[in-house]
């Protein structure tokens, strides 16, 4: 955990621990997809715990202002690589410098864990989720960050997914909620 917390990021120690538990449970043959990597704290947690599953960090690192006031951009790409190098996980992570919707049509890898922490508008969260839902395995897990705001996109989409009956709540830790896709 020390290596995770040494990396800049916005997830807490408890949330990092939950991500690591989820990553460790990804079955053989599936991958982990993270949408929204910032400077790599959650990426490091996922990579340290993944039992051979490749970790795809989907992060365009383009200038962007989040709905909660964060400013993100190209400078974060350099910090991302430096942080992954320091943490010793850079070779376990595949950075995809594109947005999720660009990957949607061509993505064919089975996804065991989908971690969404990018654009927190409802449209953004839905776009990121829908880009990979077709590849999420039965019993696969999708986890969302910043679910504390009932008006925010993550909380709204979680409500829709649970109401649809195809997902159930697997875990809740601070601002993180993980759902399991029902087979």
N, C-alpha and C. Protein backbone atom coordinates (compact mmCIF):
# COMPACT_ATOMS: atom_id res chain seq x y z
N UNK A 1 0.82 -1.19 0.00
CA UNK A 1 0.00 0.00 0.00
C UNK A 1 0.88 1.27 0.00
N UNK A 2 2.05 1.15 0.55
CA UNK A 2 2.95 2.31 0.60
C UNK A 2 3.25 2.83 -0.80
N UNK A 3 3.47 1.92 -1.75
CA UNK A 3 3.76 2.33 -3.13
C UNK A 3 2.55 3.03 -3.76
N UNK A 4 1.36 2.58 -3.43
CA UNK A 4 0.15 3.19 -3.98
C UNK A 4 -0.01 4.61 -3.44
N UNK A 5 0.11 4.77 -2.13
CA UNK A 5 -0.12 6.07 -1.51
C UNK A 5 0.98 7.07 -1.83
N UNK A 6 2.13 6.60 -2.31
CA UNK A 6 3.21 7.50 -2.71
C UNK A 6 2.92 8.19 -4.04
N UNK A 7 1.93 7.68 -4.76
CA UNK A 7 1.57 8.22 -6.07
C UNK A 7 0.46 9.26 -5.89
N UNK A 8 0.58 10.36 -6.64
CA UNK A 8 -0.47 11.38 -6.61
C UNK A 8 -1.79 10.77 -7.07
N UNK A 9 -2.86 11.17 -6.42
CA UNK A 9 -4.16 10.66 -6.85
C UNK A 9 -5.26 11.10 -5.93
N UNK A 10 -6.45 10.68 -6.24
CA UNK A 10 -7.63 11.13 -5.52
C UNK A 10 -8.39 10.02 -4.84
N UNK A 11 -7.84 8.82 -4.83
CA UNK A 11 -8.50 7.74 -4.09
C UNK A 11 -7.82 7.61 -2.73
N UNK A 12 -8.61 7.21 -1.75
CA UNK A 12 -8.10 7.05 -0.39
C UNK A 12 -7.44 5.68 -0.22
N UNK A 13 -6.85 5.48 0.92
CA UNK A 13 -6.25 4.18 1.22
C UNK A 13 -7.30 3.07 1.22
N UNK A 14 -8.46 3.34 1.79
CA UNK A 14 -9.53 2.34 1.79
C UNK A 14 -10.02 2.00 0.40
N UNK A 15 -10.17 3.03 -0.43
CA UNK A 15 -10.61 2.81 -1.80
C UNK A 15 -9.55 2.06 -2.60
N UNK A 16 -8.29 2.39 -2.37
CA UNK A 16 -7.20 1.68 -3.04
C UNK A 16 -7.20 0.21 -2.64
N UNK A 17 -7.41 -0.06 -1.35
CA UNK A 17 -7.48 -1.44 -0.89
C UNK A 17 -8.61 -2.21 -1.55
N UNK A 18 -9.77 -1.56 -1.71
CA UNK A 18 -10.90 -2.22 -2.37
C UNK A 18 -10.58 -2.48 -3.83
N UNK A 19 -9.97 -1.53 -4.51
CA UNK A 19 -9.58 -1.75 -5.91
C UNK A 19 -8.60 -2.92 -6.03
N UNK A 20 -7.67 -2.99 -5.10
CA UNK A 20 -6.70 -4.08 -5.14
C UNK A 20 -7.40 -5.43 -4.94
N UNK A 21 -8.36 -5.48 -4.06
CA UNK A 21 -9.12 -6.72 -3.84
C UNK A 21 -9.89 -7.10 -5.11
N UNK A 22 -10.51 -6.13 -5.74
CA UNK A 22 -11.25 -6.40 -6.98
C UNK A 22 -10.30 -6.85 -8.10
N UNK A 23 -9.15 -6.21 -8.22
CA UNK A 23 -8.18 -6.57 -9.26
C UNK A 23 -7.64 -7.97 -9.06
N UNK A 24 -7.39 -8.35 -7.82
CA UNK A 24 -6.85 -9.68 -7.52
C UNK A 24 -7.84 -10.78 -7.90
N UNK A 25 -9.13 -10.45 -7.96
CA UNK A 25 -10.16 -11.45 -8.26
C UNK A 25 -10.48 -11.58 -9.75
N UNK A 26 -9.83 -10.80 -10.60
CA UNK A 26 -10.10 -10.88 -12.03
C UNK A 26 -9.63 -12.23 -12.55
N UNK A 27 -10.52 -12.96 -13.22
CA UNK A 27 -10.14 -14.31 -13.67
C UNK A 27 -9.13 -14.31 -14.81
N UNK A 28 -8.45 -15.40 -14.94
CA UNK A 28 -7.49 -15.59 -16.02
C UNK A 28 -8.19 -15.40 -17.36
N UNK A 29 -7.53 -14.75 -18.29
CA UNK A 29 -8.09 -14.52 -19.61
C UNK A 29 -8.83 -13.21 -19.75
N UNK A 30 -9.06 -12.52 -18.64
CA UNK A 30 -9.76 -11.23 -18.68
C UNK A 30 -8.75 -10.13 -18.37
N UNK A 31 -9.13 -8.91 -18.70
CA UNK A 31 -8.28 -7.76 -18.42
C UNK A 31 -8.97 -6.79 -17.47
N UNK A 32 -8.22 -5.81 -17.05
CA UNK A 32 -8.72 -4.72 -16.22
C UNK A 32 -8.67 -3.46 -17.06
N UNK A 33 -9.77 -2.71 -17.09
CA UNK A 33 -9.81 -1.45 -17.82
C UNK A 33 -10.12 -0.35 -16.82
N UNK A 34 -9.27 0.66 -16.83
CA UNK A 34 -9.45 1.85 -16.01
C UNK A 34 -9.73 3.01 -16.95
N UNK A 35 -10.83 3.72 -16.72
CA UNK A 35 -11.14 4.91 -17.51
C UNK A 35 -10.97 6.11 -16.60
N UNK A 36 -9.93 6.90 -16.87
CA UNK A 36 -9.59 8.04 -16.04
C UNK A 36 -8.45 7.67 -15.11
N UNK A 37 -7.24 8.04 -15.48
CA UNK A 37 -6.06 7.59 -14.73
C UNK A 37 -5.33 8.71 -14.00
N UNK A 38 -5.56 9.96 -14.40
CA UNK A 38 -4.91 11.13 -13.82
C UNK A 38 -3.40 10.90 -13.75
N UNK A 39 -2.86 10.76 -12.55
CA UNK A 39 -1.41 10.61 -12.39
C UNK A 39 -1.01 9.21 -11.91
N UNK A 40 -1.98 8.29 -11.84
CA UNK A 40 -1.64 6.89 -11.68
C UNK A 40 -1.80 6.22 -10.34
N UNK A 41 -2.44 6.85 -9.34
CA UNK A 41 -2.59 6.17 -8.05
C UNK A 41 -3.46 4.91 -8.18
N UNK A 42 -4.64 5.05 -8.75
CA UNK A 42 -5.50 3.87 -8.88
C UNK A 42 -4.89 2.87 -9.86
N UNK A 43 -4.21 3.36 -10.88
CA UNK A 43 -3.53 2.48 -11.84
C UNK A 43 -2.51 1.61 -11.12
N UNK A 44 -1.75 2.23 -10.23
CA UNK A 44 -0.74 1.50 -9.46
C UNK A 44 -1.39 0.44 -8.59
N UNK A 45 -2.49 0.78 -7.93
CA UNK A 45 -3.20 -0.19 -7.09
C UNK A 45 -3.66 -1.38 -7.92
N UNK A 46 -4.25 -1.11 -9.07
CA UNK A 46 -4.73 -2.18 -9.94
C UNK A 46 -3.59 -3.06 -10.43
N UNK A 47 -2.50 -2.43 -10.86
CA UNK A 47 -1.37 -3.19 -11.41
C UNK A 47 -0.67 -4.03 -10.35
N UNK A 48 -0.55 -3.50 -9.14
CA UNK A 48 0.11 -4.27 -8.08
C UNK A 48 -0.68 -5.52 -7.71
N UNK A 49 -2.00 -5.44 -7.79
CA UNK A 49 -2.83 -6.56 -7.35
C UNK A 49 -3.23 -7.52 -8.46
N UNK A 50 -3.14 -7.08 -9.71
CA UNK A 50 -3.58 -7.92 -10.83
C UNK A 50 -2.74 -9.20 -10.86
N UNK A 51 -3.39 -10.32 -10.91
CA UNK A 51 -2.71 -11.62 -10.98
C UNK A 51 -2.49 -12.01 -12.44
N UNK A 52 -1.69 -11.24 -13.13
CA UNK A 52 -1.41 -11.54 -14.53
C UNK A 52 -2.36 -10.87 -15.50
N UNK A 53 -3.45 -10.30 -15.01
CA UNK A 53 -4.39 -9.62 -15.91
C UNK A 53 -3.77 -8.31 -16.38
N UNK A 54 -3.80 -8.05 -17.68
CA UNK A 54 -3.27 -6.77 -18.14
C UNK A 54 -4.16 -5.63 -17.67
N UNK A 55 -3.53 -4.49 -17.39
CA UNK A 55 -4.25 -3.29 -16.96
C UNK A 55 -4.17 -2.27 -18.09
N UNK A 56 -5.32 -1.88 -18.62
CA UNK A 56 -5.40 -0.86 -19.65
C UNK A 56 -5.86 0.43 -19.00
N UNK A 57 -5.03 1.46 -19.05
CA UNK A 57 -5.36 2.77 -18.51
C UNK A 57 -5.81 3.65 -19.67
N UNK A 58 -7.11 3.90 -19.73
CA UNK A 58 -7.70 4.69 -20.81
C UNK A 58 -7.77 6.13 -20.33
N UNK A 59 -6.87 6.95 -20.84
CA UNK A 59 -6.73 8.33 -20.36
C UNK A 59 -6.14 9.18 -21.48
N UNK A 60 -6.93 10.06 -22.09
CA UNK A 60 -6.40 10.87 -23.18
C UNK A 60 -5.40 11.94 -22.73
N UNK A 61 -5.41 12.29 -21.46
CA UNK A 61 -4.52 13.35 -20.95
C UNK A 61 -4.63 14.63 -21.79
N UNK A 62 -5.84 14.97 -22.17
CA UNK A 62 -6.11 16.24 -22.86
C UNK A 62 -6.64 17.23 -21.83
N UNK A 63 -6.56 18.51 -22.14
CA UNK A 63 -7.04 19.53 -21.21
C UNK A 63 -8.53 19.33 -20.93
N UNK A 64 -8.86 19.31 -19.64
CA UNK A 64 -10.23 19.00 -19.22
C UNK A 64 -10.44 19.57 -17.82
N UNK A 65 -11.60 20.20 -17.62
CA UNK A 65 -11.97 20.68 -16.29
C UNK A 65 -13.12 19.82 -15.80
N UNK A 66 -12.91 19.14 -14.68
CA UNK A 66 -13.92 18.26 -14.12
C UNK A 66 -15.06 19.03 -13.48
N UNK A 67 -16.19 18.38 -13.30
CA UNK A 67 -17.36 19.06 -12.73
C UNK A 67 -17.15 19.42 -11.27
N UNK A 68 -16.17 18.83 -10.63
CA UNK A 68 -15.87 19.18 -9.23
C UNK A 68 -14.66 20.11 -9.13
N UNK A 69 -14.26 20.70 -10.27
CA UNK A 69 -13.24 21.73 -10.26
C UNK A 69 -11.83 21.31 -10.58
N UNK A 70 -11.55 20.04 -10.74
CA UNK A 70 -10.19 19.60 -11.06
C UNK A 70 -9.80 20.00 -12.47
N UNK A 71 -8.54 20.35 -12.66
CA UNK A 71 -8.00 20.65 -13.98
C UNK A 71 -6.99 19.58 -14.35
N UNK A 72 -7.18 19.00 -15.51
CA UNK A 72 -6.37 17.88 -15.95
C UNK A 72 -5.83 18.17 -17.34
N UNK A 73 -4.72 17.51 -17.72
CA UNK A 73 -4.20 17.76 -19.05
C UNK A 73 -2.91 17.05 -19.36
N UNK A 74 -2.23 17.50 -20.41
CA UNK A 74 -1.03 16.84 -20.91
C UNK A 74 0.09 16.69 -19.87
N UNK A 75 0.22 17.64 -18.95
CA UNK A 75 1.28 17.53 -17.94
C UNK A 75 1.09 16.30 -17.06
N UNK A 76 -0.16 15.84 -16.95
CA UNK A 76 -0.43 14.66 -16.13
C UNK A 76 0.12 13.38 -16.76
N UNK A 77 0.29 13.37 -18.09
CA UNK A 77 0.82 12.19 -18.77
C UNK A 77 2.25 11.91 -18.31
N UNK A 78 3.06 12.94 -18.26
CA UNK A 78 4.45 12.77 -17.82
C UNK A 78 4.48 12.28 -16.37
N UNK A 79 3.69 12.91 -15.50
CA UNK A 79 3.64 12.50 -14.10
C UNK A 79 3.14 11.06 -13.98
N UNK A 80 2.19 10.67 -14.83
CA UNK A 80 1.66 9.30 -14.84
C UNK A 80 2.81 8.31 -15.06
N UNK A 81 3.59 8.53 -16.11
CA UNK A 81 4.70 7.60 -16.40
C UNK A 81 5.76 7.63 -15.30
N UNK A 82 6.10 8.81 -14.82
CA UNK A 82 7.09 8.90 -13.75
C UNK A 82 6.62 8.15 -12.50
N UNK A 83 5.36 8.31 -12.16
CA UNK A 83 4.81 7.64 -10.98
C UNK A 83 4.78 6.13 -11.15
N UNK A 84 4.39 5.65 -12.34
CA UNK A 84 4.38 4.21 -12.57
C UNK A 84 5.78 3.62 -12.57
N UNK A 85 6.75 4.39 -13.07
CA UNK A 85 8.15 3.95 -13.00
C UNK A 85 8.61 3.82 -11.55
N UNK A 86 8.35 4.84 -10.75
CA UNK A 86 8.74 4.82 -9.34
C UNK A 86 8.08 3.69 -8.58
N UNK A 87 6.82 3.39 -8.92
CA UNK A 87 6.09 2.33 -8.23
C UNK A 87 6.47 0.94 -8.73
N UNK A 88 7.20 0.87 -9.84
CA UNK A 88 7.63 -0.42 -10.37
C UNK A 88 6.56 -1.19 -11.11
N UNK A 89 5.56 -0.49 -11.66
CA UNK A 89 4.46 -1.18 -12.36
C UNK A 89 4.30 -0.77 -13.81
N UNK A 90 5.19 0.07 -14.32
CA UNK A 90 5.00 0.61 -15.67
C UNK A 90 4.90 -0.49 -16.72
N UNK A 91 5.58 -1.60 -16.53
CA UNK A 91 5.53 -2.67 -17.52
C UNK A 91 4.26 -3.51 -17.45
N UNK A 92 3.47 -3.33 -16.41
CA UNK A 92 2.21 -4.06 -16.28
C UNK A 92 1.02 -3.28 -16.83
N UNK A 93 1.26 -2.02 -17.19
CA UNK A 93 0.17 -1.12 -17.60
C UNK A 93 0.32 -0.73 -19.05
N UNK A 94 -0.80 -0.73 -19.75
CA UNK A 94 -0.83 -0.28 -21.13
C UNK A 94 -1.63 1.02 -21.17
N UNK A 95 -0.96 2.15 -21.35
CA UNK A 95 -1.65 3.43 -21.44
C UNK A 95 -2.26 3.56 -22.82
N UNK A 96 -3.55 3.85 -22.86
CA UNK A 96 -4.25 4.11 -24.11
C UNK A 96 -4.64 5.58 -24.08
N UNK A 97 -3.92 6.40 -24.85
CA UNK A 97 -4.13 7.85 -24.85
C UNK A 97 -5.27 8.24 -25.78
N UNK A 98 -6.42 7.63 -25.56
CA UNK A 98 -7.62 7.91 -26.34
C UNK A 98 -8.80 7.96 -25.37
N UNK A 99 -9.88 8.53 -25.81
CA UNK A 99 -11.08 8.51 -24.99
C UNK A 99 -11.82 7.18 -25.20
N UNK A 100 -12.64 6.83 -24.25
CA UNK A 100 -13.32 5.53 -24.28
C UNK A 100 -14.18 5.34 -25.52
N UNK A 101 -14.88 6.40 -25.95
CA UNK A 101 -15.77 6.21 -27.09
C UNK A 101 -15.02 5.90 -28.38
N UNK A 102 -13.76 6.31 -28.47
CA UNK A 102 -12.94 5.99 -29.65
C UNK A 102 -12.64 4.49 -29.68
N UNK A 103 -12.50 3.89 -28.52
CA UNK A 103 -12.15 2.47 -28.42
C UNK A 103 -13.35 1.54 -28.59
N UNK A 104 -14.53 2.06 -28.40
CA UNK A 104 -15.75 1.25 -28.33
C UNK A 104 -15.88 0.21 -29.44
N UNK A 105 -15.80 0.64 -30.67
CA UNK A 105 -16.07 -0.28 -31.79
C UNK A 105 -15.02 -1.38 -31.94
N UNK A 106 -13.78 -1.08 -31.64
CA UNK A 106 -12.72 -2.05 -31.87
C UNK A 106 -12.32 -2.88 -30.67
N UNK A 107 -12.91 -2.61 -29.51
CA UNK A 107 -12.48 -3.32 -28.30
C UNK A 107 -13.04 -4.73 -28.29
N UNK A 108 -12.14 -5.72 -28.14
CA UNK A 108 -12.58 -7.11 -28.15
C UNK A 108 -12.11 -7.91 -26.94
N UNK A 109 -11.27 -7.34 -26.11
CA UNK A 109 -10.74 -8.07 -24.95
C UNK A 109 -11.83 -8.26 -23.90
N UNK A 110 -11.93 -9.45 -23.32
CA UNK A 110 -12.89 -9.64 -22.23
C UNK A 110 -12.44 -8.85 -20.99
N UNK A 111 -13.37 -8.14 -20.40
CA UNK A 111 -13.09 -7.28 -19.25
C UNK A 111 -13.63 -7.93 -17.99
N UNK A 112 -12.75 -8.14 -17.02
CA UNK A 112 -13.16 -8.69 -15.73
C UNK A 112 -13.45 -7.62 -14.71
N UNK A 113 -12.76 -6.47 -14.84
CA UNK A 113 -12.96 -5.33 -13.95
C UNK A 113 -12.89 -4.06 -14.77
N UNK A 114 -13.93 -3.25 -14.66
CA UNK A 114 -14.00 -1.95 -15.30
C UNK A 114 -14.06 -0.90 -14.20
N UNK A 115 -13.06 -0.03 -14.13
CA UNK A 115 -12.96 1.02 -13.11
C UNK A 115 -13.18 2.36 -13.80
N UNK A 116 -14.24 3.07 -13.44
CA UNK A 116 -14.59 4.32 -14.11
C UNK A 116 -14.41 5.49 -13.15
N UNK A 117 -13.48 6.37 -13.53
CA UNK A 117 -13.19 7.56 -12.72
C UNK A 117 -12.73 8.69 -13.65
N UNK A 118 -13.50 8.92 -14.72
CA UNK A 118 -13.16 9.95 -15.69
C UNK A 118 -14.11 11.13 -15.58
N UNK A 119 -14.74 11.46 -16.68
CA UNK A 119 -15.73 12.53 -16.73
C UNK A 119 -16.90 12.15 -15.84
N UNK A 120 -17.23 12.99 -14.86
CA UNK A 120 -18.26 12.65 -13.87
C UNK A 120 -19.65 13.17 -14.20
N UNK A 121 -19.83 13.72 -15.41
CA UNK A 121 -21.18 14.07 -15.83
C UNK A 121 -21.91 12.76 -16.14
N UNK A 122 -23.24 12.79 -16.12
CA UNK A 122 -23.99 11.57 -16.45
C UNK A 122 -23.66 11.12 -17.87
N UNK A 123 -23.58 12.06 -18.80
CA UNK A 123 -23.27 11.70 -20.18
C UNK A 123 -21.88 11.08 -20.28
N UNK A 124 -20.91 11.64 -19.56
CA UNK A 124 -19.55 11.12 -19.59
C UNK A 124 -19.43 9.74 -18.97
N UNK A 125 -20.06 9.55 -17.82
CA UNK A 125 -20.01 8.25 -17.16
C UNK A 125 -20.71 7.19 -18.01
N UNK A 126 -21.85 7.55 -18.56
CA UNK A 126 -22.58 6.60 -19.42
C UNK A 126 -21.74 6.24 -20.65
N UNK A 127 -21.12 7.24 -21.27
CA UNK A 127 -20.28 7.01 -22.45
C UNK A 127 -19.14 6.04 -22.12
N UNK A 128 -18.46 6.29 -20.99
CA UNK A 128 -17.34 5.43 -20.60
C UNK A 128 -17.81 4.02 -20.28
N UNK A 129 -18.93 3.89 -19.60
CA UNK A 129 -19.48 2.58 -19.26
C UNK A 129 -19.89 1.82 -20.53
N UNK A 130 -20.63 2.49 -21.40
CA UNK A 130 -21.14 1.83 -22.60
C UNK A 130 -20.02 1.44 -23.57
N UNK A 131 -18.90 2.12 -23.48
CA UNK A 131 -17.77 1.77 -24.36
C UNK A 131 -17.23 0.37 -24.07
N UNK A 132 -17.41 -0.10 -22.84
CA UNK A 132 -16.83 -1.39 -22.46
C UNK A 132 -17.84 -2.41 -21.95
N UNK A 133 -19.10 -2.02 -21.77
CA UNK A 133 -20.08 -2.97 -21.22
C UNK A 133 -20.20 -4.22 -22.08
N UNK A 134 -20.13 -4.07 -23.39
CA UNK A 134 -20.26 -5.23 -24.28
C UNK A 134 -19.15 -6.27 -24.04
N UNK A 135 -18.04 -5.85 -23.45
CA UNK A 135 -16.93 -6.76 -23.18
C UNK A 135 -16.85 -7.22 -21.73
N UNK A 136 -17.72 -6.67 -20.88
CA UNK A 136 -17.71 -7.05 -19.47
C UNK A 136 -18.24 -8.47 -19.33
N UNK A 137 -17.43 -9.31 -18.73
CA UNK A 137 -17.79 -10.72 -18.58
C UNK A 137 -19.00 -10.91 -17.67
N UNK A 138 -19.73 -12.02 -17.85
CA UNK A 138 -20.75 -12.35 -16.85
C UNK A 138 -20.05 -12.45 -15.50
N UNK A 139 -20.63 -11.92 -14.48
CA UNK A 139 -20.03 -11.82 -13.14
C UNK A 139 -18.87 -10.83 -13.11
N UNK A 140 -18.65 -10.09 -14.20
CA UNK A 140 -17.63 -9.04 -14.21
C UNK A 140 -18.04 -7.90 -13.29
N UNK A 141 -17.08 -7.07 -12.94
CA UNK A 141 -17.32 -6.00 -11.98
C UNK A 141 -17.07 -4.66 -12.64
N UNK A 142 -17.96 -3.72 -12.36
CA UNK A 142 -17.75 -2.33 -12.75
C UNK A 142 -17.77 -1.51 -11.46
N UNK A 143 -16.73 -0.71 -11.27
CA UNK A 143 -16.62 0.12 -10.07
C UNK A 143 -16.56 1.58 -10.49
N UNK A 144 -17.20 2.41 -9.68
CA UNK A 144 -17.29 3.85 -9.95
C UNK A 144 -16.71 4.62 -8.77
N UNK A 145 -16.11 5.76 -9.09
CA UNK A 145 -15.58 6.64 -8.04
C UNK A 145 -16.42 7.91 -7.97
N UNK A 146 -16.36 8.56 -6.84
CA UNK A 146 -17.06 9.82 -6.59
C UNK A 146 -18.57 9.66 -6.69
N UNK A 147 -19.07 8.68 -5.97
CA UNK A 147 -20.51 8.39 -5.96
C UNK A 147 -21.24 9.16 -4.87
N UNK A 148 -20.54 10.03 -4.14
CA UNK A 148 -21.11 10.74 -3.00
C UNK A 148 -22.16 11.77 -3.38
N UNK A 149 -22.12 12.29 -4.59
CA UNK A 149 -23.05 13.33 -5.03
C UNK A 149 -24.23 12.68 -5.74
N UNK A 150 -25.44 12.72 -5.15
CA UNK A 150 -26.60 12.07 -5.79
C UNK A 150 -26.97 12.68 -7.14
N UNK A 151 -26.50 13.91 -7.39
CA UNK A 151 -26.76 14.56 -8.68
C UNK A 151 -25.65 14.30 -9.69
N UNK A 152 -24.55 13.69 -9.25
CA UNK A 152 -23.43 13.40 -10.14
C UNK A 152 -23.71 12.20 -11.03
N UNK A 153 -22.99 12.15 -12.11
CA UNK A 153 -23.16 11.07 -13.07
C UNK A 153 -22.96 9.67 -12.52
N UNK A 154 -21.90 9.44 -11.70
CA UNK A 154 -21.71 8.08 -11.19
C UNK A 154 -22.91 7.58 -10.38
N UNK A 155 -23.42 8.40 -9.47
CA UNK A 155 -24.55 7.97 -8.64
C UNK A 155 -25.80 7.73 -9.49
N UNK A 156 -26.02 8.60 -10.46
CA UNK A 156 -27.21 8.44 -11.30
C UNK A 156 -27.14 7.16 -12.13
N UNK A 157 -25.97 6.88 -12.72
CA UNK A 157 -25.84 5.68 -13.54
C UNK A 157 -25.95 4.42 -12.68
N UNK A 158 -25.37 4.44 -11.50
CA UNK A 158 -25.49 3.29 -10.60
C UNK A 158 -26.96 3.02 -10.31
N UNK A 159 -27.72 4.07 -10.03
CA UNK A 159 -29.16 3.90 -9.79
C UNK A 159 -29.86 3.25 -10.96
N UNK A 160 -29.53 3.68 -12.17
CA UNK A 160 -30.14 3.10 -13.37
C UNK A 160 -29.76 1.62 -13.53
N UNK A 161 -28.49 1.31 -13.31
CA UNK A 161 -28.03 -0.07 -13.49
C UNK A 161 -28.67 -1.00 -12.47
N UNK A 162 -28.77 -0.56 -11.23
CA UNK A 162 -29.41 -1.40 -10.20
C UNK A 162 -30.90 -1.57 -10.48
N UNK A 163 -31.56 -0.51 -10.92
CA UNK A 163 -32.99 -0.58 -11.23
C UNK A 163 -33.25 -1.50 -12.41
N UNK A 164 -32.29 -1.61 -13.33
CA UNK A 164 -32.45 -2.46 -14.50
C UNK A 164 -32.37 -3.95 -14.20
N UNK A 165 -31.89 -4.31 -13.01
CA UNK A 165 -31.87 -5.71 -12.59
C UNK A 165 -30.75 -6.56 -13.14
N UNK A 166 -29.81 -5.99 -13.89
CA UNK A 166 -28.71 -6.79 -14.45
C UNK A 166 -27.44 -6.68 -13.62
N UNK A 167 -27.46 -5.83 -12.60
CA UNK A 167 -26.30 -5.62 -11.73
C UNK A 167 -26.74 -5.65 -10.28
N UNK A 168 -25.82 -6.04 -9.41
CA UNK A 168 -26.06 -5.98 -7.97
C UNK A 168 -24.85 -5.33 -7.31
N UNK A 169 -25.10 -4.73 -6.14
CA UNK A 169 -24.00 -4.09 -5.42
C UNK A 169 -23.09 -5.16 -4.83
N UNK A 170 -21.81 -5.01 -5.09
CA UNK A 170 -20.80 -5.93 -4.59
C UNK A 170 -20.06 -5.35 -3.40
N UNK A 171 -19.72 -4.06 -3.48
CA UNK A 171 -18.95 -3.43 -2.40
C UNK A 171 -19.17 -1.92 -2.41
N UNK A 172 -19.07 -1.34 -1.22
CA UNK A 172 -19.13 0.11 -1.06
C UNK A 172 -18.07 0.52 -0.06
N UNK A 173 -17.14 1.38 -0.48
CA UNK A 173 -16.08 1.87 0.39
C UNK A 173 -15.94 3.37 0.13
N UNK A 174 -16.27 4.16 1.11
CA UNK A 174 -16.16 5.61 1.01
C UNK A 174 -16.85 6.12 -0.25
N UNK A 175 -16.10 6.65 -1.23
CA UNK A 175 -16.70 7.20 -2.45
C UNK A 175 -16.67 6.22 -3.62
N UNK A 176 -16.45 4.95 -3.35
CA UNK A 176 -16.35 3.90 -4.37
C UNK A 176 -17.50 2.93 -4.22
N UNK A 177 -18.15 2.61 -5.33
CA UNK A 177 -19.18 1.57 -5.34
C UNK A 177 -18.84 0.60 -6.47
N UNK A 178 -18.87 -0.69 -6.16
CA UNK A 178 -18.62 -1.73 -7.16
C UNK A 178 -19.88 -2.54 -7.36
N UNK A 179 -20.22 -2.76 -8.63
CA UNK A 179 -21.37 -3.57 -9.00
C UNK A 179 -20.90 -4.82 -9.73
N UNK A 180 -21.62 -5.93 -9.50
CA UNK A 180 -21.32 -7.17 -10.22
C UNK A 180 -22.40 -7.36 -11.28
N UNK A 181 -21.95 -7.70 -12.48
CA UNK A 181 -22.89 -8.02 -13.56
C UNK A 181 -23.45 -9.41 -13.27
N UNK A 182 -24.76 -9.52 -13.34
CA UNK A 182 -25.39 -10.81 -13.10
C UNK A 182 -25.31 -11.67 -14.34
N UNK A 183 -25.03 -12.93 -14.16
CA UNK A 183 -24.86 -13.85 -15.29
C UNK A 183 -26.19 -14.09 -15.98
